[in-house]
Amino acid sequence: MKFSLIMATLDRAEEIALFLNKLSAQTYKNFELIIVDQNDDGRVYNLYLKYKDIIELKYIHSNKKGLSLSRNIGLNNCNGDIIAFPDDDCEYSADTLENVFKFFNNNPDYAFYTCNTKDKNNGNTILNSKKKDTDISIFNIMFTGISFTIFVRAVSIKKFRFDTQMGVGAEYGSGEESDLLLYLLRNVNKGRYNANSYIHHPYKIDNTDRAFSYGKGFGALYKKAISTYRYYILFPVFMYLLFKQFLMICLHPFEKGRIASLKGRLYGFIHYKLSRE
């Protein structure tokens, strides 16, 4: 069972070097790392040259910016049995791939797997994650899967490509990984979340621009879930989340991030349109 790890990167090098060091120490060795480099300089290519004889690497330079676009380039150039999407600032533990391999090997009826997260500085979770192992459903995807924790059988996403309107660098700045999970669930695939396995990633504090961009992705995701995947039950869920956000703003009227997020959610839900790519 071979892993294809697709890493899109922009404006980073030191963090990638840390990831490569962890990757070279994996106890499970059958993997490839596909780096889709959006930088205009040679910082990442120099790392490729340094590590290409240590681990199996593919280097692809892209002149176009966008997380989802770059991941699609990676999907078009991978040959593994299990596909994952590590961020360029996350870190695997030495046994990360071995643990994922054991899960898929022991659970042939599951098509995808996710795990928990930890801030690599203070050890706290960076997502309001579930505290117990659980099967993944349309009602818990926001608490059981963030992009760098998702591992999926390649056969289950042969026809899937990330929505290039979503994700960092796109009009709607988040939601692309949840879109993947919705696609998998709609196509009758089972997924499992492991609460006691972790991938490390730095926690990032939202500013108003980031909150608005991520809010737009959130709204676009729910629009797509309802209109494309026909999960109509998620419309009242979305309205409840909007109302909850509004109440929080009433209680904390000076938190500009919450206001920006609410505006973004409304904008994304109203303006998102299915791409015809």
Protein backbone atom coordinates (compact mmCIF):
# COMPACT_ATOMS: atom_id res chain seq x y z
CA MET A 1 0.00 0.00 0.00
CA LYS A 2 1.64 3.20 -1.20
CA PHE A 3 0.92 6.72 0.05
CA SER A 4 0.83 9.78 -2.20
CA LEU A 5 1.26 12.90 -0.09
CA ILE A 6 0.31 16.07 -1.97
CA MET A 7 1.78 19.28 -0.56
CA ALA A 8 0.92 22.66 -2.07
CA THR A 9 3.27 25.39 -0.87
CA LEU A 10 3.72 29.14 -1.04
CA ASP A 11 6.06 31.47 0.90
CA ARG A 12 7.54 28.73 3.07
CA ALA A 13 10.79 26.75 3.17
CA GLU A 14 11.95 26.27 6.77
CA GLU A 15 8.68 24.57 7.73
CA ILE A 16 8.94 22.23 4.73
CA ALA A 17 12.44 21.25 5.80
CA LEU A 18 11.04 20.24 9.21
CA PHE A 19 8.31 18.19 7.51
CA LEU A 20 10.86 16.48 5.26
CA ASN A 21 12.98 15.56 8.27
CA LYS A 22 9.97 13.95 9.94
CA LEU A 23 9.04 12.23 6.71
CA SER A 24 12.49 10.70 6.30
CA ALA A 25 12.10 9.19 9.79
CA GLN A 26 8.76 7.48 9.09
CA THR A 27 8.59 3.86 10.22
CA TYR A 28 6.45 3.12 7.15
CA LYS A 29 8.52 3.75 4.04
CA ASN A 30 6.26 3.18 1.02
CA PHE A 31 5.27 6.73 0.10
CA GLU A 32 5.88 9.58 -2.31
CA LEU A 33 5.71 13.29 -1.61
CA ILE A 34 4.47 15.49 -4.45
CA ILE A 35 5.42 19.12 -3.91
CA VAL A 36 3.46 21.66 -5.95
CA ASP A 37 5.52 24.83 -5.63
CA GLN A 38 3.84 28.19 -6.22
CA ASN A 39 6.90 30.28 -5.28
CA ASP A 40 8.67 32.49 -7.77
CA ASP A 41 12.12 31.67 -6.40
CA GLY A 42 14.14 28.50 -5.84
CA ARG A 43 13.69 28.06 -2.10
CA VAL A 44 11.60 24.88 -2.38
CA TYR A 45 13.46 23.49 -5.38
CA ASN A 46 16.67 23.62 -3.35
CA LEU A 47 15.01 21.48 -0.68
CA TYR A 48 13.91 19.05 -3.39
CA LEU A 49 17.52 18.71 -4.55
CA LYS A 50 18.66 18.08 -0.98
CA TYR A 51 16.10 15.35 -0.21
CA LYS A 52 15.35 13.70 -3.55
CA ASP A 53 17.86 10.91 -2.93
CA ILE A 54 16.60 10.32 0.61
CA ILE A 55 12.85 9.97 0.02
CA GLU A 56 10.73 9.62 -3.10
CA LEU A 57 9.91 13.16 -4.25
CA LYS A 58 8.14 14.71 -7.19
CA TYR A 59 8.63 18.42 -7.75
CA ILE A 60 6.14 20.43 -9.83
CA HIS A 61 6.31 24.18 -10.26
CA SER A 62 3.06 26.06 -10.85
CA ASN A 63 2.82 29.64 -12.06
CA LYS A 64 -0.79 29.79 -10.88
CA LYS A 65 -1.63 30.43 -7.23
CA GLY A 66 -4.31 28.67 -5.22
CA LEU A 67 -4.42 25.77 -2.77
CA SER A 68 -7.17 23.77 -4.48
CA LEU A 69 -5.67 24.34 -7.92
CA SER A 70 -2.29 23.06 -6.71
CA ARG A 71 -3.81 20.02 -5.03
CA ASN A 72 -5.56 19.15 -8.28
CA ILE A 73 -2.19 19.29 -10.05
CA GLY A 74 -0.92 16.86 -7.43
CA LEU A 75 -3.91 14.56 -7.92
CA ASN A 76 -3.12 14.44 -11.63
CA ASN A 77 0.44 13.32 -10.90
CA CYS A 78 0.15 10.77 -8.08
CA ASN A 79 0.18 6.98 -8.22
CA GLY A 80 -0.41 5.88 -4.63
CA ASP A 81 -3.15 3.78 -3.08
CA ILE A 82 -3.76 6.23 -0.23
CA ILE A 83 -3.78 9.98 -0.82
CA ALA A 84 -3.21 12.71 1.77
CA PHE A 85 -2.80 16.47 1.73
CA PRO A 86 -0.21 17.65 4.27
CA ASP A 87 0.07 21.40 4.78
CA ASP A 88 3.46 22.99 4.24
CA ASP A 89 3.67 23.87 7.95
CA CYS A 90 2.43 20.65 9.57
CA GLU A 91 4.50 17.82 11.05
CA TYR A 92 3.91 14.08 11.12
CA SER A 93 4.95 11.86 14.01
CA ALA A 94 7.36 9.06 13.13
CA ASP A 95 4.54 6.50 13.15
CA THR A 96 1.84 8.57 11.41
CA LEU A 97 1.87 6.68 8.12
CA GLU A 98 2.28 3.31 9.82
CA ASN A 99 -0.82 3.95 11.95
CA VAL A 100 -2.85 5.00 8.91
CA PHE A 101 -1.65 1.93 6.99
CA LYS A 102 -2.75 -0.34 9.85
CA PHE A 103 -6.18 1.27 9.90
CA PHE A 104 -6.82 0.78 6.18
CA ASN A 105 -5.32 -2.69 6.21
CA ASN A 106 -7.56 -3.75 9.10
CA ASN A 107 -10.70 -1.93 7.88
CA PRO A 108 -11.21 -2.63 4.17
CA ASP A 109 -14.79 -1.30 4.29
CA TYR A 110 -13.61 2.24 5.15
CA ALA A 111 -12.65 4.60 2.34
CA PHE A 112 -11.21 7.44 4.36
CA TYR A 113 -9.66 8.22 7.72
CA THR A 114 -9.00 11.38 9.70
CA CYS A 115 -7.30 12.12 12.98
CA ASN A 116 -6.92 14.81 15.64
CA THR A 117 -4.66 17.88 15.67
CA LYS A 118 -2.24 19.50 18.08
CA ASP A 119 -0.60 22.89 18.12
CA LYS A 120 3.11 22.06 17.93
CA ASN A 121 3.91 24.90 20.32
CA ASN A 122 1.52 24.29 23.23
CA GLY A 123 -0.04 20.88 22.55
CA ASN A 124 -3.62 22.16 22.35
CA THR A 125 -5.95 21.04 19.60
CA ILE A 126 -6.27 23.62 16.80
CA LEU A 127 -9.76 22.42 15.90
CA ASN A 128 -12.74 21.98 18.18
CA SER A 129 -12.35 18.28 17.58
CA LYS A 130 -14.41 15.37 18.82
CA LYS A 131 -12.91 13.79 21.92
CA LYS A 132 -13.94 10.24 21.01
CA ASP A 133 -13.44 8.06 17.95
CA THR A 134 -16.44 8.16 15.65
CA ASP A 135 -17.68 7.47 12.16
CA ILE A 136 -17.78 10.62 10.04
CA SER A 137 -21.15 12.03 8.98
CA ILE A 138 -22.49 15.18 7.37
CA PHE A 139 -23.26 16.49 10.87
CA ASN A 140 -19.74 16.21 12.31
CA ILE A 141 -17.39 16.93 9.40
CA MET A 142 -16.49 20.33 10.90
CA PHE A 143 -15.15 18.58 14.01
CA THR A 144 -13.59 15.45 12.51
CA GLY A 145 -11.59 16.50 9.47
CA ILE A 146 -9.19 19.26 8.52
CA SER A 147 -7.27 18.94 5.28
CA PHE A 148 -3.87 17.81 6.59
CA THR A 149 -5.50 15.04 8.69
CA ILE A 150 -7.42 13.43 5.79
CA PHE A 151 -6.25 10.15 4.24
CA VAL A 152 -8.39 8.59 1.51
CA ARG A 153 -8.21 5.53 -0.73
CA ALA A 154 -7.26 6.68 -4.23
CA VAL A 155 -9.98 4.58 -5.83
CA SER A 156 -12.61 6.65 -3.98
CA ILE A 157 -11.51 9.99 -5.45
CA LYS A 158 -10.63 9.03 -9.01
CA LYS A 159 -13.27 11.44 -10.30
CA PHE A 160 -12.92 14.08 -7.60
CA ARG A 161 -11.08 17.37 -8.02
CA PHE A 162 -11.03 20.19 -5.50
CA ASP A 163 -13.34 23.11 -6.13
CA THR A 164 -10.95 25.86 -7.26
CA GLN A 165 -13.39 28.51 -6.04
CA MET A 166 -12.68 27.31 -2.48
CA GLY A 167 -9.57 27.25 -0.33
CA VAL A 168 -6.69 29.59 0.44
CA GLY A 169 -6.00 31.90 -2.49
CA ALA A 170 -9.52 31.54 -3.94
CA GLU A 171 -12.66 33.68 -3.73
CA TYR A 172 -14.05 31.53 -0.92
CA GLY A 173 -11.12 31.01 1.41
CA SER A 174 -11.98 27.71 3.10
CA GLY A 175 -14.23 24.64 2.90
CA GLU A 176 -12.38 22.68 0.24
CA GLU A 177 -11.56 19.77 2.55
CA SER A 178 -15.12 19.57 3.89
CA ASP A 179 -16.28 19.55 0.27
CA LEU A 180 -14.09 16.47 -0.23
CA LEU A 181 -15.65 14.78 2.80
CA LEU A 182 -19.17 15.58 1.56
CA TYR A 183 -18.28 14.13 -1.83
CA LEU A 184 -17.06 10.93 -0.20
CA LEU A 185 -20.12 10.60 2.02
CA ARG A 186 -22.50 11.28 -0.89
CA ASN A 187 -20.85 8.47 -2.82
CA VAL A 188 -21.59 5.98 -0.04
CA ASN A 189 -18.10 5.88 1.39
CA LYS A 190 -17.44 5.26 5.06
CA GLY A 191 -14.95 7.34 7.03
CA ARG A 192 -13.53 7.08 10.53
CA TYR A 193 -12.11 9.74 12.87
CA ASN A 194 -9.39 8.77 15.37
CA ALA A 195 -9.39 11.12 18.36
CA ASN A 196 -6.19 9.75 19.88
CA SER A 197 -3.87 10.16 16.91
CA TYR A 198 -2.42 13.60 16.16
CA ILE A 199 -0.79 15.64 13.44
CA HIS A 200 0.94 18.80 14.59
CA HIS A 201 0.22 22.22 13.12
CA PRO A 202 0.64 25.77 14.44
CA TYR A 203 -2.49 27.52 15.65
CA LYS A 204 -3.27 30.70 13.72
CA ILE A 205 -5.14 33.65 15.16
CA ASP A 206 -7.74 35.04 12.78
CA ASN A 207 -7.72 38.69 11.78
CA THR A 208 -10.81 40.28 10.24
CA ASP A 209 -9.69 39.65 6.64
CA ARG A 210 -9.00 35.99 7.36
CA ALA A 211 -12.27 35.62 9.28
CA PHE A 212 -14.23 37.12 6.37
CA SER A 213 -12.46 34.94 3.79
CA TYR A 214 -12.95 31.76 5.82
CA GLY A 215 -16.55 32.77 6.49
CA LYS A 216 -17.17 33.03 2.75
CA GLY A 217 -15.83 29.51 2.34
CA PHE A 218 -18.11 28.28 5.12
CA GLY A 219 -21.17 29.81 3.43
CA ALA A 220 -20.15 28.50 0.02
CA LEU A 221 -19.69 25.01 1.45
CA TYR A 222 -23.21 24.90 2.89
CA LYS A 223 -24.64 26.29 -0.35
CA LYS A 224 -22.90 23.49 -2.26
CA ALA A 225 -23.90 20.85 0.29
CA ILE A 226 -27.55 21.77 -0.20
CA SER A 227 -27.69 22.56 -3.91
CA THR A 228 -25.15 20.07 -5.31
CA TYR A 229 -25.02 17.18 -2.86
CA ARG A 230 -28.71 17.61 -1.95
CA TYR A 231 -28.18 17.41 1.78
CA TYR A 232 -31.28 19.53 2.38
CA ILE A 233 -31.20 18.81 6.10
CA LEU A 234 -28.14 21.07 6.32
CA PHE A 235 -30.15 24.20 5.51
CA PRO A 236 -31.68 24.43 9.01
CA VAL A 237 -28.25 23.56 10.42
CA PHE A 238 -26.74 26.49 8.54
CA MET A 239 -29.49 28.84 9.73
CA TYR A 240 -28.96 27.69 13.30
CA LEU A 241 -25.21 28.37 13.03
CA LEU A 242 -25.91 31.85 11.63
CA PHE A 243 -28.29 32.57 14.51
CA LYS A 244 -25.77 31.27 17.04
CA GLN A 245 -23.08 33.50 15.56
CA PHE A 246 -25.46 36.47 15.71
CA LEU A 247 -26.17 35.82 19.40
CA MET A 248 -22.44 35.67 20.13
CA ILE A 249 -22.02 39.03 18.43
CA CYS A 250 -24.79 40.47 20.58
CA LEU A 251 -22.96 39.23 23.68
CA HIS A 252 -19.55 40.36 22.42
CA PRO A 253 -20.27 43.32 20.09
CA PHE A 254 -16.66 44.47 19.90
CA GLU A 255 -15.24 41.22 18.52
CA LYS A 256 -14.68 42.28 14.92
CA GLY A 257 -13.66 38.78 13.85
CA ARG A 258 -17.09 37.35 14.64
CA ILE A 259 -18.79 40.13 12.71
CA ALA A 260 -16.48 39.59 9.72
CA SER A 261 -17.11 35.83 9.86
CA LEU A 262 -20.91 36.29 9.92
CA LYS A 263 -20.75 38.68 6.96
CA GLY A 264 -18.57 36.20 5.10
CA ARG A 265 -20.93 33.29 5.75
CA LEU A 266 -23.87 35.23 4.39
CA TYR A 267 -21.86 36.42 1.37
CA GLY A 268 -20.64 32.92 0.56
CA PHE A 269 -24.07 31.34 0.83
CA ILE A 270 -25.71 34.00 -1.34
CA HIS A 271 -23.05 34.44 -4.01
CA TYR A 272 -21.44 31.01 -4.45
CA LYS A 273 -22.28 29.37 -7.79
CA LEU A 274 -21.32 25.89 -8.92
CA SER A 275 -18.25 26.01 -11.15
CA ARG A 276 -18.63 24.71 -14.71
CA GLU A 277 -14.97 23.67 -15.01
